[in-house]
């Protein structure tokens, strides 16, 4: 139900760490190091059982069953992974003498089924593309069936896999291949998704500002009976920015271990204002830019049609894009070095091979560290971008935000380095962050077609001229122009307003407009977009006493540093450990009062 005052449930993730652990039966405290060891034993059992089950199911018949979606009795497979695995008889095996509760088996099968169902789409695409692949020329033939069409970027990746397999096979005819012929079974992540279990394995309660998780953990690496599985109560703090929020439900977390110990990845549900896409009159279009993460512009629909002031807003990543490009180049260099040393180690003597393998291990560790750093920056960049776009849309009174359809968006024509850099940007993560953040203020996010958004005029739908180079656009007929990303934002907002009544809605996905309709967008002198905030001069408080100058000494000027990156917006660590979430984070206090106090001392 949509309308004024209506609400809709929204789920968000939150991470926290336990700071107290006690035995549920005796009430005796347990050290957190001991808890980390027991959780590690649980994760080892789950990872080993999951890897064994995936390796046993890694054959084409498994994906045929998943594609059909039916069990041996021709009943539809349920959505719950552990229930579907039980119907199909896909159960993991454990070493002899090891007792594992049935609820842990549910966790294993749920994680395995989620992985296999995710790969089912890739398996179908590989089968369709391999039938059209010519190993002699390495070219894919055009699709003949409507269902064989896949995104171009995905098709290029599969073509590279097929070409590498053809080179290893001496150029033999490939034919119709399956995913099991092209790649190895995936590795199972070391985590425990407790959401697949019930109260017999884990339960969670909320008391004031704390989460209490009661979970059954093994007391030894190879538990032989039920007595070697004991319940432990873990108490963790709820992040401060969630205090006072009307959270309707807390879900069982996912247990992972990192370098700091046990981390709880919880999920919660709250009610937020419902977005009304059908009655939207003002839309914000977000265009992905090769130079910045994105730019936005506004279009409004009134009694006389669509209008826009053609004044956009460009996101400033504060230099993080350059840092990500440097880390990407560093990771590619480490990957090339590791590949070269691996090639040399294959034909080297044993003593030289051992030395090369040690160097490869060091390169792998450095490459992993670079990947972790890139992931952290991309996450913070995505949520900072989402917060600024949401504030921009809320200030303009927009009811919908239009983003480009990433499945049809392909970066090309900018050179190999820039194309690779833009292709690896966190666009999909930014879309998810934008949909989550905008839902908190009742703004809907819709996906619209991307083709021609920056090449066609929003007014007459004719090709735009480039009088000032790539980043400028001008229409001599409508006499409108400016930054090409801002023009693209107007086109995207227009497509969202025109196709809002025909948007398709699928469960678990944002609404999508499939067809791009055209209507002239007239330039308007009325102010549509909000005025961007500008830094103002700091007021000097003359009433404060000044420090007495020392004769013969040049005083040091204490100037507050401006915010250099989105890392400055992260709250300090709470007293009970590492807590955070994918939800809104408030900005840290300004450094100006601190600088003033330094001047006055």
Foldseek 3Di string as FASTA:
>chain_A
DADPPDKDKDKWKWKWDFQWKAFPPPRHTDDQVLVLVLLLLLLVQLQVQLVVLLQVLLDVVNLVCVVQQAAPVRDGQDPQQLSSCVRNVRWTDDDPLFDDDVLSRLQSRRQNSVVSNVCSVVQVLQQLQLQQAQLVVLDGDDDDDPVNDFFPVSSVVSSVLVNVVCVVVVNDRRHGDGPSVRDPGDRDDRKTASLSGDVVAWDWDDDQFKIKIWGWTAQDSGDRDPVRIGIMITIIGHDPVCHPAAWPDKGAWMWDADPVGTMTIIMTMHMARAFDLQPWFKEKEWEQDLVARIKIFIWGQDPVGIAGQLDIGGDDQLCVLVVLLVLVVVLVVLVVVLVVLVVVLVPDDPVVNVVSVVVSVVSVVVSVVSVVVSVVQLLLSLLVVLVVVLVQCVVLVGREYEYEDPRHDADDDPDDSSRVSSVPHSNVSSLVSNQSANRNHRHAYEYEHQPCLLQAAQAPRHGWDCPPPDQKTADPVLGDIGGSSSSSRNQRRVQSSVQSVVWDDDPPDGTYRYDGDGDGHHYDPDDRTDDDDDDDDDDDDPPADFDDDDPPDDDDQQDFDDDSRSVQQADDADPSGHIGISYDGGGDDGCVVVSVVVRRD
